[in-house]
Amino acid sequence: MSNNNDIVQKLWNLCDVLRDDGINYSDYVGELVMLLFIKMVHENTEAETLDKHTLPEGCRWTDLNGKSGVALLNDYKKILFALSTGKDAEDNRVHADPLISAIYADAQTRLREPRHLEQMIRTLDQIDWFSAQKDGLGDLYEGLLEKNAGETKSGAGQYFTPRALINSMVRCIKPQPGEVIQDPAAGTAGFLIAADQYIKEQTDDLYDLSAKDKAFQKNKAYVGVELVPSTRRLALMNCLLHGMEGDDEGVVHQGNALGMAGTSLPRADIILANPPFGTSKGGEASITRDDLTYSTSNKQLAFLQHIYRNLKPGGRAAVVLPDNVLFEAGVGTSVRRDLMNKCNLHTILRLPTGIFYAQGVKTNVLFFTKGSATDKLQSENCTENVWVYDLRTNMPSFGKRTPFTEKHLQPFESVYEKSPREEGEWSFNAAEIEAPDSEENKDVTDKLATSRWRKFTRDWIRDTKGDSLDISWLKDDSSVDAANLPEPGVLAAEAMSELVQAIGELDALMRELGAGDEADAQKVLLDELLGEGK
């Protein structure tokens, strides 16, 4: 994997070339992968690991890497047009592969300098693709997407789900061959690919399956929906490089799961998702479903309704959701009650802050099954107990210097797997955390009050919490007692310091996005404002 990391860094360094051509970070990966995919198909074909979806004659790597100058750039534009439409400039049919057309839908290069395209092609030709093949071209591509999410300040990775969390959720859900697995907010298809890799590990890379079952896994097992066309392009390439073809539209379909695309999805055995955060404010991302029981402008509440409605009886789901879904009143309470009524909401994992690139967002994973623990066809009163694992209180501040890894999730996975489950888990110095008097800590032993793993009955959640699922019982050492706050002047100075730092980061971001003139204008306004305060 270290070799792939080196290749990812080499590919990432090409962004400097693209910046010289006026292409900013947010468009960089989209520009690179159109060329990179042509190269990867070439390498897969050379290694005889790809017998389908090979690119048509005239649109292959060998049609690019021997050329230079304006002719190269013009031919590259013609190739993108042909891959996108299936026809050449004279309207002659070039290919009839709907998946290739979907991958290159509306593909256009923003490169203006032929020498920059030449440099990209030269760099791709210098990579040790034999070693990359051994590690897997799909994993290499996945590494590039993760690098993009982690390093672009423009928000491309704002809600990128950490790989460690994806893998942990998949291990808990345990997908099986023959199951229909969906993600209604697919992004670059991380959940679907992780589920596929899990099944391949259990079946000797599908070798243990019949030809019919293999075909199902390749073409019908996985379905995703993605709203943003450029992100869907990345997802389709990602899936194809991992051997997942899907139907004629590919594994990931273009559309809005909170609109028509969601109503047409078949029922699923498994749904894995990290729905986008925020509210619906019109436009193509708006909530247009009229079949959801509880009308809401909160996208997570709408996605949650879609997910538990779209499960087959006995179907399983693991969904990343922000804290507000757990405690929001009104419609939020109604949706939570409906979820606990129709499904067995058996587990909540409270995640640490800082593991998402949207810093400060507090999130959880909800694990639930359609029906009750004993009857998958049960449709009322399905939740009896909710188990909560607190992986948030007194955990490190995660980020680039302190990465969130699978070792942080191992204690949770171990208690999740136990049957029967038992309360009590004291990883990460939980026994030393103070357990304040609270409703959660009534009638439990002092030791259990500091456990990270607790069980709460459905009756207690209804009677004591009013059906809020924002359940916590440990005291965070970093929390500040209001009686011991610093002087107002000190607090104001700290706030001013953070504000100045934030303004500096925004200024850098605006200039990176090519909005230098606007940034200069804002600095003038700020100087005038601060000048008036002197």
Protein backbone atom coordinates (compact mmCIF):
# COMPACT_ATOMS: atom_id res chain seq x y z
CA MET A 1 0.00 0.00 0.00
CA SER A 2 2.99 2.29 0.61
CA ASN A 3 3.81 2.13 -3.09
CA ASN A 4 0.28 3.26 -3.90
CA ASN A 5 0.68 6.10 -1.40
CA ASP A 6 3.77 7.23 -3.30
CA ILE A 7 1.85 7.11 -6.59
CA VAL A 8 -1.04 9.07 -5.08
CA GLN A 9 1.39 11.77 -3.99
CA LYS A 10 2.96 11.84 -7.46
CA LEU A 11 -0.47 12.24 -9.04
CA TRP A 12 -1.40 14.91 -6.52
CA ASN A 13 1.74 16.86 -7.39
CA LEU A 14 0.33 17.26 -10.91
CA CYS A 15 -2.10 19.79 -9.46
CA ASP A 16 0.72 22.33 -9.65
CA VAL A 17 0.77 21.80 -13.42
CA LEU A 18 -2.97 22.32 -13.64
CA ARG A 19 -2.84 25.46 -11.50
CA ASP A 20 -0.48 26.93 -14.08
CA ASP A 21 -3.31 26.38 -16.57
CA GLY A 22 -5.84 28.23 -14.41
CA ILE A 23 -7.48 25.14 -12.92
CA ASN A 24 -8.11 25.34 -9.17
CA TYR A 25 -7.99 22.56 -6.58
CA SER A 26 -11.73 21.96 -6.59
CA ASP A 27 -11.63 21.01 -10.30
CA TYR A 28 -8.27 19.27 -10.17
CA VAL A 29 -9.33 15.67 -9.51
CA GLY A 30 -12.14 15.88 -12.07
CA GLU A 31 -9.63 17.01 -14.71
CA LEU A 32 -7.01 14.44 -13.77
CA VAL A 33 -9.29 11.41 -13.56
CA MET A 34 -10.65 11.82 -17.11
CA LEU A 35 -7.12 11.21 -18.34
CA LEU A 36 -6.19 8.80 -15.54
CA PHE A 37 -9.12 6.50 -16.31
CA ILE A 38 -7.99 6.13 -19.94
CA LYS A 39 -4.56 5.14 -18.63
CA MET A 40 -5.98 2.71 -16.06
CA VAL A 41 -8.18 1.00 -18.66
CA HIS A 42 -5.03 0.61 -20.79
CA GLU A 43 -3.15 -0.97 -17.85
CA ASN A 44 -6.08 -3.26 -17.00
CA THR A 45 -6.37 -4.36 -20.64
CA GLU A 46 -2.61 -4.98 -20.89
CA ALA A 47 -2.81 -7.12 -17.75
CA GLU A 48 -5.88 -8.90 -19.16
CA THR A 49 -7.94 -8.02 -16.07
CA LEU A 50 -10.54 -6.11 -18.07
CA ASP A 51 -12.38 -7.94 -20.83
CA LYS A 52 -15.30 -5.54 -21.10
CA HIS A 53 -15.72 -1.77 -21.22
CA THR A 54 -12.44 -1.39 -23.05
CA LEU A 55 -12.31 1.97 -24.76
CA PRO A 56 -12.98 2.13 -28.52
CA GLU A 57 -10.24 2.44 -31.14
CA GLY A 58 -9.10 6.00 -31.50
CA CYS A 59 -9.91 6.74 -27.82
CA ARG A 60 -7.17 4.76 -26.12
CA TRP A 61 -4.00 5.66 -24.29
CA THR A 62 -1.90 4.72 -27.32
CA ASP A 63 -3.81 7.38 -29.28
CA LEU A 64 -2.47 10.04 -26.92
CA ASN A 65 0.95 9.22 -25.55
CA GLY A 66 2.86 9.53 -28.81
CA LYS A 67 1.59 12.99 -29.72
CA SER A 68 2.46 16.55 -28.78
CA GLY A 69 1.53 20.18 -29.32
CA VAL A 70 -1.82 21.53 -30.46
CA ALA A 71 -2.59 18.27 -32.30
CA LEU A 72 -2.43 16.40 -28.97
CA LEU A 73 -4.80 18.79 -27.20
CA ASN A 74 -7.25 18.80 -30.11
CA ASP A 75 -7.22 15.00 -30.35
CA TYR A 76 -7.80 14.76 -26.58
CA LYS A 77 -10.86 17.01 -26.88
CA LYS A 78 -12.16 14.83 -29.73
CA ILE A 79 -11.62 11.69 -27.61
CA LEU A 80 -13.60 13.16 -24.70
CA PHE A 81 -16.42 14.10 -27.08
CA ALA A 82 -16.48 10.62 -28.59
CA LEU A 83 -16.46 8.89 -25.19
CA SER A 84 -19.24 11.18 -23.98
CA THR A 85 -21.57 10.87 -26.97
CA GLY A 86 -20.58 7.54 -28.50
CA LYS A 87 -20.05 9.37 -31.81
CA ASP A 88 -17.24 11.26 -33.50
CA ALA A 89 -17.42 14.78 -34.94
CA GLU A 90 -18.82 13.38 -38.22
CA ASP A 91 -21.66 11.66 -36.31
CA ASN A 92 -20.23 8.19 -36.92
CA ARG A 93 -20.90 5.63 -34.19
CA VAL A 94 -17.70 5.08 -32.16
CA HIS A 95 -19.00 2.94 -29.31
CA ALA A 96 -22.28 1.81 -27.77
CA ASP A 97 -21.23 1.23 -24.17
CA PRO A 98 -23.73 3.13 -21.98
CA LEU A 99 -21.44 2.92 -18.93
CA ILE A 100 -18.54 4.60 -20.74
CA SER A 101 -20.96 7.29 -21.96
CA ALA A 102 -22.19 7.77 -18.39
CA ILE A 103 -18.64 8.07 -17.05
CA TYR A 104 -17.73 10.69 -19.66
CA ALA A 105 -21.10 12.47 -19.73
CA ASP A 106 -20.53 16.13 -20.71
CA ALA A 107 -16.78 15.65 -20.27
CA GLN A 108 -14.72 18.65 -21.33
CA THR A 109 -11.17 19.61 -20.56
CA ARG A 110 -10.29 23.08 -19.33
CA LEU A 111 -6.64 22.64 -20.30
CA ARG A 112 -5.41 25.36 -22.65
CA GLU A 113 -1.69 24.62 -22.84
CA PRO A 114 -0.68 21.46 -24.80
CA ARG A 115 2.57 21.27 -22.81
CA HIS A 116 0.60 20.76 -19.59
CA LEU A 117 -1.28 17.82 -21.12
CA GLU A 118 2.03 16.42 -22.37
CA GLN A 119 3.49 16.68 -18.87
CA MET A 120 0.51 14.86 -17.35
CA ILE A 121 0.76 12.06 -19.93
CA ARG A 122 4.52 11.80 -19.38
CA THR A 123 4.06 11.55 -15.60
CA LEU A 124 1.41 8.84 -15.94
CA ASP A 125 3.70 6.87 -18.25
CA GLN A 126 6.55 7.04 -15.70
CA ILE A 127 4.54 5.41 -12.91
CA ASP A 128 5.35 1.82 -11.95
CA TRP A 129 1.99 0.41 -12.99
CA PHE A 130 3.08 -3.19 -12.44
CA SER A 131 3.44 -2.51 -8.72
CA ALA A 132 0.23 -0.49 -8.72
CA GLN A 133 -1.58 -3.47 -10.29
CA LYS A 134 -0.50 -5.68 -7.39
CA ASP A 135 -1.98 -3.27 -4.84
CA GLY A 136 -5.06 -2.76 -7.00
CA LEU A 137 -5.82 0.13 -9.34
CA GLY A 138 -9.13 0.61 -7.58
CA ASP A 139 -7.37 1.15 -4.25
CA LEU A 140 -4.97 3.58 -5.93
CA TYR A 141 -7.89 5.57 -7.30
CA GLU A 142 -9.61 5.47 -3.90
CA GLY A 143 -6.45 6.86 -2.34
CA LEU A 144 -6.49 9.78 -4.76
CA LEU A 145 -10.10 10.60 -3.85
CA GLU A 146 -9.22 10.48 -0.15
CA LYS A 147 -6.22 12.73 -0.74
CA ASN A 148 -8.47 15.20 -2.53
CA ALA A 149 -10.98 15.17 0.32
CA GLY A 150 -8.29 15.68 2.94
CA GLU A 151 -6.31 18.43 1.30
CA THR A 152 -8.69 20.63 -0.66
CA LYS A 153 -9.73 23.64 1.40
CA SER A 154 -12.52 24.35 -1.05
CA GLY A 155 -14.94 21.95 0.62
CA ALA A 156 -14.56 18.96 -1.71
CA GLY A 157 -14.00 16.76 1.33
CA GLN A 158 -16.37 18.52 3.67
CA TYR A 159 -18.34 15.41 4.48
CA PHE A 160 -15.95 12.72 3.31
CA THR A 161 -16.59 9.63 5.42
CA PRO A 162 -13.34 8.33 6.99
CA ARG A 163 -12.30 5.00 5.53
CA ALA A 164 -11.90 3.48 9.00
CA LEU A 165 -15.52 4.30 9.85
CA ILE A 166 -16.85 2.95 6.54
CA ASN A 167 -15.01 -0.35 7.04
CA SER A 168 -16.20 -0.66 10.63
CA MET A 169 -19.85 -0.05 9.67
CA VAL A 170 -19.59 -2.69 6.93
CA ARG A 171 -18.06 -5.24 9.33
CA CYS A 172 -20.92 -4.65 11.78
CA ILE A 173 -23.61 -4.99 9.08
CA LYS A 174 -21.97 -8.10 7.51
CA PRO A 175 -23.24 -7.95 3.90
CA GLN A 176 -23.80 -11.34 2.26
CA PRO A 177 -23.75 -12.50 -1.38
CA GLY A 178 -27.16 -12.14 -3.01
CA GLU A 179 -28.21 -9.11 -0.94
CA VAL A 180 -29.25 -5.80 -2.53
CA ILE A 181 -27.09 -3.06 -1.02
CA GLN A 182 -27.88 0.62 -1.49
CA ASP A 183 -26.54 4.08 -0.70
CA PRO A 184 -29.00 6.90 -1.51
CA ALA A 185 -26.28 9.54 -1.04
CA ALA A 186 -23.44 7.65 -2.69
CA GLY A 187 -20.75 10.31 -3.13
CA THR A 188 -17.76 8.52 -4.64
CA ALA A 189 -19.29 5.12 -3.69
CA GLY A 190 -17.08 4.40 -0.67
CA PHE A 191 -19.74 2.39 1.22
CA LEU A 192 -20.72 0.27 -1.79
CA ILE A 193 -17.10 -0.52 -2.65
CA ALA A 194 -16.30 -1.44 0.97
CA ALA A 195 -19.33 -3.78 1.03
CA ASP A 196 -18.17 -5.38 -2.22
CA GLN A 197 -14.65 -5.86 -0.89
CA TYR A 198 -16.03 -7.43 2.31
CA ILE A 199 -18.06 -9.96 0.29
CA LYS A 200 -15.10 -10.71 -1.98
CA GLU A 201 -12.96 -11.45 1.09
CA GLN A 202 -15.62 -13.91 2.32
CA THR A 203 -15.96 -15.65 -1.06
CA ASP A 204 -12.36 -15.89 -2.33
CA ASP A 205 -12.89 -12.94 -4.68
CA LEU A 206 -16.32 -14.39 -5.70
CA TYR A 207 -14.63 -17.63 -6.81
CA ASP A 208 -16.86 -19.64 -4.42
CA LEU A 209 -20.04 -18.38 -6.12
CA SER A 210 -21.89 -19.81 -9.11
CA ALA A 211 -21.74 -17.98 -12.44
CA LYS A 212 -25.29 -16.71 -11.85
CA ASP A 213 -24.44 -15.38 -8.38
CA LYS A 214 -21.23 -13.77 -9.68
CA ALA A 215 -23.23 -11.95 -12.35
CA PHE A 216 -25.67 -10.73 -9.67
CA GLN A 217 -22.81 -9.35 -7.57
CA LYS A 218 -21.29 -7.56 -10.54
CA ASN A 219 -24.46 -6.12 -12.07
CA LYS A 220 -27.34 -6.06 -9.56
CA ALA A 221 -26.11 -6.20 -5.97
CA TYR A 222 -25.17 -2.52 -5.60
CA VAL A 223 -27.19 0.60 -6.31
CA GLY A 224 -26.29 4.16 -5.41
CA VAL A 225 -27.80 7.56 -6.13
CA GLU A 226 -25.73 10.74 -6.47
CA LEU A 227 -27.00 14.22 -7.20
CA VAL A 228 -23.80 15.94 -8.40
CA PRO A 229 -22.74 14.86 -11.94
CA SER A 230 -18.99 15.35 -11.39
CA THR A 231 -19.09 13.31 -8.18
CA ARG A 232 -21.07 10.57 -9.91
CA ARG A 233 -18.37 10.44 -12.61
CA LEU A 234 -15.78 9.74 -9.89
CA ALA A 235 -18.07 7.10 -8.37
CA LEU A 236 -18.63 5.27 -11.67
CA MET A 237 -14.90 5.16 -12.39
CA ASN A 238 -14.24 4.02 -8.82
CA CYS A 239 -16.75 1.18 -9.09
CA LEU A 240 -15.54 0.01 -12.50
CA LEU A 241 -11.91 -0.08 -11.34
CA HIS A 242 -13.10 -2.27 -8.43
CA GLY A 243 -14.87 -4.67 -10.81
CA MET A 244 -18.40 -3.40 -10.06
CA GLU A 245 -20.37 -2.71 -13.24
CA GLY A 246 -24.00 -2.27 -12.20
CA ASP A 247 -26.78 -1.92 -14.78
CA ASP A 248 -26.73 0.18 -17.96
CA GLU A 249 -26.49 3.33 -15.83
CA GLY A 250 -23.66 1.89 -13.77
CA VAL A 251 -23.67 1.23 -10.04
CA VAL A 252 -24.39 4.86 -9.14
CA HIS A 253 -27.37 6.51 -10.81
CA GLN A 254 -27.70 10.24 -11.43
CA GLY A 255 -30.49 11.83 -9.43
CA ASN A 256 -31.91 13.08 -6.16
CA ALA A 257 -32.90 10.38 -3.68
CA LEU A 258 -35.22 12.92 -2.05
CA GLY A 259 -36.99 13.26 -5.42
CA MET A 260 -38.08 10.90 -8.19
CA ALA A 261 -34.85 8.86 -8.09
CA GLY A 262 -35.62 7.79 -4.53
CA THR A 263 -39.18 6.65 -5.22
CA SER A 264 -38.04 4.34 -8.03
CA LEU A 265 -35.43 2.47 -5.96
CA PRO A 266 -36.28 -1.18 -5.21
CA ARG A 267 -36.41 -2.35 -1.58
CA ALA A 268 -32.98 -3.12 -0.15
CA ASP A 269 -31.51 -5.76 2.15
CA ILE A 270 -28.87 -3.30 3.35
CA ILE A 271 -28.57 0.48 3.27
CA LEU A 272 -25.30 2.20 4.20
CA ALA A 273 -25.21 5.99 4.00
CA ASN A 274 -23.80 9.30 5.17
CA PRO A 275 -26.50 11.73 3.95
CA PRO A 276 -25.43 15.34 3.25
CA PHE A 277 -25.87 17.76 6.15
CA GLY A 278 -28.07 20.84 5.88
CA THR A 279 -31.58 21.91 4.96
CA SER A 280 -33.45 21.91 1.68
CA LYS A 281 -33.67 25.40 0.23
CA GLY A 282 -35.07 24.76 -3.22
CA GLY A 283 -33.14 24.00 -6.38
CA GLU A 284 -32.29 20.53 -7.61
CA ALA A 285 -31.29 19.35 -4.14
CA SER A 286 -34.74 20.11 -2.74
CA ILE A 287 -37.00 17.54 -1.10
CA THR A 288 -39.75 16.82 -3.63
CA ARG A 289 -40.95 13.45 -2.32
CA ASP A 290 -44.64 13.37 -1.47
CA ASP A 291 -44.56 9.82 -0.11
CA LEU A 292 -42.69 10.61 3.12
CA THR A 293 -44.97 10.53 6.15
CA TYR A 294 -43.42 13.55 7.87
CA SER A 295 -42.84 16.64 5.74
CA THR A 296 -39.58 18.40 6.61
CA SER A 297 -36.93 20.73 5.17
CA ASN A 298 -34.24 18.88 7.15
CA LYS A 299 -32.46 16.65 4.62
CA GLN A 300 -31.19 14.18 7.20
CA LEU A 301 -34.68 13.60 8.59
CA ALA A 302 -35.97 13.11 5.03
CA PHE A 303 -33.11 10.70 4.19
CA LEU A 304 -33.70 8.78 7.43
CA GLN A 305 -37.38 8.32 6.53
CA HIS A 306 -36.44 7.15 3.03
CA ILE A 307 -33.92 4.67 4.43
CA TYR A 308 -36.11 2.88 6.96
CA ARG A 309 -39.06 2.87 4.55
CA ASN A 310 -36.94 1.39 1.75
CA LEU A 311 -35.64 -1.58 3.72
CA LYS A 312 -37.07 -5.04 3.10
CA PRO A 313 -38.52 -6.79 6.18
CA GLY A 314 -35.44 -7.84 8.15
CA GLY A 315 -33.28 -5.40 6.18
CA ARG A 316 -30.33 -3.76 7.95
CA ALA A 317 -29.05 -0.18 7.91
CA ALA A 318 -26.13 1.82 9.27
CA VAL A 319 -26.46 5.59 8.79
CA VAL A 320 -24.24 8.51 9.79
CA LEU A 321 -26.35 11.36 11.18
CA PRO A 322 -25.58 14.64 13.00
CA ASP A 323 -26.63 15.26 16.61
CA ASN A 324 -29.59 17.44 15.67
CA VAL A 325 -31.41 14.40 14.26
CA LEU A 326 -31.21 12.82 17.73
CA PHE A 327 -32.75 15.73 19.62
CA GLU A 328 -34.66 17.99 17.19
CA ALA A 329 -38.23 18.55 18.40
CA GLY A 330 -41.43 18.55 16.34
CA VAL A 331 -40.98 16.54 13.15
CA GLY A 332 -37.71 15.19 14.50
CA THR A 333 -39.49 13.57 17.43
CA SER A 334 -42.14 12.11 15.12
CA VAL A 335 -39.53 10.60 12.79
CA ARG A 336 -37.60 9.04 15.70
CA ARG A 337 -40.81 7.54 17.13
CA ASP A 338 -41.73 6.16 13.70
CA LEU A 339 -38.24 4.70 13.30
CA MET A 340 -38.35 2.98 16.71
CA ASN A 341 -41.87 1.77 16.00
CA LYS A 342 -41.19 0.23 12.58
CA CYS A 343 -37.58 -0.83 13.17
CA ASN A 344 -35.39 -2.25 15.90
CA LEU A 345 -33.04 0.67 16.58
CA HIS A 346 -30.58 -1.48 18.46
CA THR A 347 -27.38 0.58 18.50
CA ILE A 348 -26.15 4.19 18.48
CA LEU A 349 -22.44 4.96 18.15
CA ARG A 350 -21.58 8.50 19.33
CA LEU A 351 -18.62 9.51 17.17
CA PRO A 352 -15.79 11.85 18.19
CA THR A 353 -15.70 15.38 16.84
CA GLY A 354 -13.08 16.26 14.23
CA ILE A 355 -13.17 13.02 12.23
CA PHE A 356 -15.02 14.73 9.38
CA TYR A 357 -13.41 17.49 7.38
CA ALA A 358 -16.29 19.75 8.43
CA GLN A 359 -14.64 20.48 11.76
CA GLY A 360 -16.81 20.55 14.85
CA VAL A 361 -19.69 18.55 13.36
CA LYS A 362 -20.96 16.07 15.97
CA THR A 363 -22.16 12.84 14.41
CA ASN A 364 -23.47 9.41 15.26
CA VAL A 365 -24.04 6.10 13.53
CA LEU A 366 -27.54 4.62 13.89
CA PHE A 367 -27.77 0.85 13.37
CA PHE A 368 -31.27 -0.55 12.89
CA THR A 369 -33.18 -3.49 11.42
CA LYS A 370 -36.63 -3.46 9.79
CA GLY A 371 -39.02 -5.30 12.09
CA SER A 372 -38.29 -6.55 15.60
CA ALA A 373 -35.46 -8.72 16.88
CA THR A 374 -37.73 -11.78 16.76
CA ASP A 375 -40.09 -11.02 13.85
CA LYS A 376 -38.96 -9.25 10.69
CA LEU A 377 -42.59 -8.72 9.64
CA GLN A 378 -43.49 -6.90 12.86
CA SER A 379 -44.51 -3.32 12.08
CA GLU A 380 -45.17 -1.80 15.52
CA ASN A 381 -43.22 -1.47 18.80
CA CYS A 382 -40.13 -3.02 17.21
CA THR A 383 -37.50 -1.34 19.43
CA GLU A 384 -37.17 -2.72 22.97
CA ASN A 385 -33.66 -1.57 23.92
CA VAL A 386 -31.19 0.92 22.46
CA TRP A 387 -27.51 0.29 23.17
CA VAL A 388 -25.30 3.39 23.12
CA TYR A 389 -21.51 3.45 22.76
CA ASP A 390 -19.92 6.81 23.69
CA LEU A 391 -16.78 7.18 21.57
CA ARG A 392 -16.92 10.97 21.93
CA THR A 393 -16.42 12.01 25.56
CA ASN A 394 -12.79 12.68 26.48
CA MET A 395 -11.47 11.37 23.18
CA PRO A 396 -8.51 13.00 21.41
CA SER A 397 -9.03 15.90 19.04
CA PHE A 398 -8.77 14.05 15.74
CA GLY A 399 -7.30 15.59 12.61
CA LYS A 400 -4.24 15.27 10.39
CA ARG A 401 -1.86 15.05 13.36
CA THR A 402 -4.04 12.59 15.26
CA PRO A 403 -5.72 10.44 12.60
CA PHE A 404 -8.87 8.50 13.40
CA THR A 405 -8.09 4.84 12.68
CA GLU A 406 -9.72 1.44 12.93
CA LYS A 407 -8.04 0.80 16.29
CA HIS A 408 -10.30 3.48 17.80
CA LEU A 409 -13.34 1.49 16.64
CA GLN A 410 -12.18 -1.96 17.76
CA PRO A 411 -13.60 -1.73 21.32
CA PHE A 412 -17.00 -0.76 19.90
CA GLU A 413 -16.96 -3.58 17.37
CA SER A 414 -16.09 -6.13 20.05
CA VAL A 415 -19.10 -5.26 22.24
CA TYR A 416 -21.37 -4.84 19.19
CA GLU A 417 -20.63 -8.44 18.19
CA LYS A 418 -21.26 -10.04 21.60
CA SER A 419 -24.35 -12.16 22.00
CA PRO A 420 -25.91 -11.71 24.44
CA ARG A 421 -24.70 -8.16 24.92
CA GLU A 422 -23.45 -6.99 28.31
CA GLU A 423 -23.11 -3.43 29.57
CA GLY A 424 -19.64 -2.28 30.48
CA GLU A 425 -16.65 -1.17 28.38
CA TRP A 426 -13.94 1.14 29.71
CA SER A 427 -11.56 1.80 26.82
CA PHE A 428 -9.73 5.10 26.41
CA ASN A 429 -9.56 5.72 30.20
CA ALA A 430 -13.32 5.76 30.61
CA ALA A 431 -13.05 4.55 34.20
CA GLU A 432 -11.31 7.83 35.12
CA ILE A 433 -14.05 10.04 33.63
CA GLU A 434 -16.36 11.75 36.07
CA ALA A 435 -19.96 10.55 35.97
CA PRO A 436 -22.20 13.44 37.07
CA ASP A 437 -25.65 12.97 38.55
CA SER A 438 -28.08 12.67 35.67
CA GLU A 439 -31.20 10.82 34.60
CA GLU A 440 -28.95 8.42 32.67
CA ASN A 441 -26.95 7.58 35.82
CA LYS A 442 -29.88 6.96 38.17
CA ASP A 443 -30.11 3.39 39.44
CA VAL A 444 -26.73 2.26 38.04
CA THR A 445 -23.54 1.33 39.85
CA ASP A 446 -20.71 3.85 40.01
CA LYS A 447 -18.64 1.61 37.75
CA LEU A 448 -21.34 1.31 35.09
CA ALA A 449 -21.80 5.09 35.18
CA THR A 450 -18.32 5.41 33.64
CA SER A 451 -18.78 2.67 31.03
CA ARG A 452 -18.78 3.68 27.38
CA TRP A 453 -21.34 0.95 26.58
CA ARG A 454 -24.83 1.22 28.09
CA LYS A 455 -28.35 -0.06 27.44
CA PHE A 456 -31.49 2.10 27.61
CA THR A 457 -35.01 0.72 27.36
CA ARG A 458 -37.60 2.03 24.94
CA ASP A 459 -39.85 2.93 27.89
CA TRP A 460 -37.06 4.97 29.52
CA ILE A 461 -36.36 6.83 26.26
CA ARG A 462 -40.06 7.69 25.93
CA ASP A 463 -40.79 8.54 29.58
CA THR A 464 -37.53 10.22 30.61
CA LYS A 465 -36.13 11.66 27.38
CA GLY A 466 -39.36 12.47 25.55
CA ASP A 467 -38.08 10.31 22.67
CA SER A 468 -34.85 12.27 22.34
CA LEU A 469 -31.94 9.98 21.48
CA ASP A 470 -29.29 12.46 22.59
CA ILE A 471 -28.14 10.18 25.39
CA SER A 472 -24.90 10.89 27.25
CA TRP A 473 -23.78 10.18 30.79
CA LEU A 474 -20.02 10.90 30.96
CA LYS A 475 -18.61 14.33 31.85
CA ASP A 476 -16.18 15.75 29.30
CA ASP A 477 -13.04 17.06 31.04
CA SER A 478 -12.80 19.78 28.40
CA SER A 479 -16.21 21.21 29.31
CA VAL A 480 -16.08 24.49 31.25
CA ASP A 481 -18.02 25.19 34.42
CA ALA A 482 -19.91 28.46 33.92
CA ALA A 483 -18.96 29.56 37.43
CA ASN A 484 -15.26 29.36 36.53
CA LEU A 485 -15.27 31.19 33.20
CA PRO A 486 -12.47 33.69 32.53
CA GLU A 487 -13.07 37.44 32.63
CA PRO A 488 -15.22 38.77 29.74
CA GLY A 489 -12.22 40.67 28.35
CA VAL A 490 -10.20 37.43 28.11
CA LEU A 491 -13.07 35.62 26.39
CA ALA A 492 -13.50 38.52 23.95
CA ALA A 493 -9.77 38.47 23.14
CA GLU A 494 -9.89 34.71 22.48
CA ALA A 495 -12.92 35.16 20.22
CA MET A 496 -11.18 38.00 18.35
CA SER A 497 -8.09 35.83 17.87
CA GLU A 498 -10.14 32.97 16.40
CA LEU A 499 -11.99 35.43 14.17
CA VAL A 500 -8.76 36.90 12.79
CA GLN A 501 -7.47 33.40 12.06
CA ALA A 502 -10.73 32.48 10.30
CA ILE A 503 -10.59 35.67 8.20
CA GLY A 504 -7.06 34.78 7.14
CA GLU A 505 -8.16 31.30 6.04
CA LEU A 506 -11.13 32.72 4.12
CA ASP A 507 -8.86 35.23 2.41
CA ALA A 508 -6.51 32.42 1.32
CA LEU A 509 -9.44 30.34 0.10
CA MET A 510 -10.88 33.20 -1.98
CA ARG A 511 -7.51 33.78 -3.64
CA GLU A 512 -7.13 30.04 -4.28
CA LEU A 513 -10.51 30.06 -6.00
CA GLY A 514 -9.46 32.98 -8.21
CA ALA A 515 -11.44 35.63 -6.33
CA GLY A 516 -8.47 37.84 -5.43
CA ASP A 517 -10.20 41.10 -6.40
CA GLU A 518 -13.16 40.32 -4.15
CA ALA A 519 -10.77 39.41 -1.32
CA ASP A 520 -8.96 42.75 -1.70
CA ALA A 521 -12.30 44.59 -1.60
CA GLN A 522 -13.27 42.80 1.62
CA LYS A 523 -9.92 43.69 3.21
CA VAL A 524 -10.54 47.35 2.45
CA LEU A 525 -13.96 47.15 4.11
CA LEU A 526 -12.44 45.39 7.12
CA ASP A 527 -9.69 48.01 7.45
CA GLU A 528 -12.31 50.76 7.36
CA LEU A 529 -14.41 48.99 9.99
CA LEU A 530 -11.47 48.42 12.33
CA GLY A 531 -10.27 51.95 11.70
CA GLU A 532 -13.59 53.32 12.92
CA GLY A 533 -13.22 51.35 16.14
CA LYS A 534 -9.87 52.92 17.05
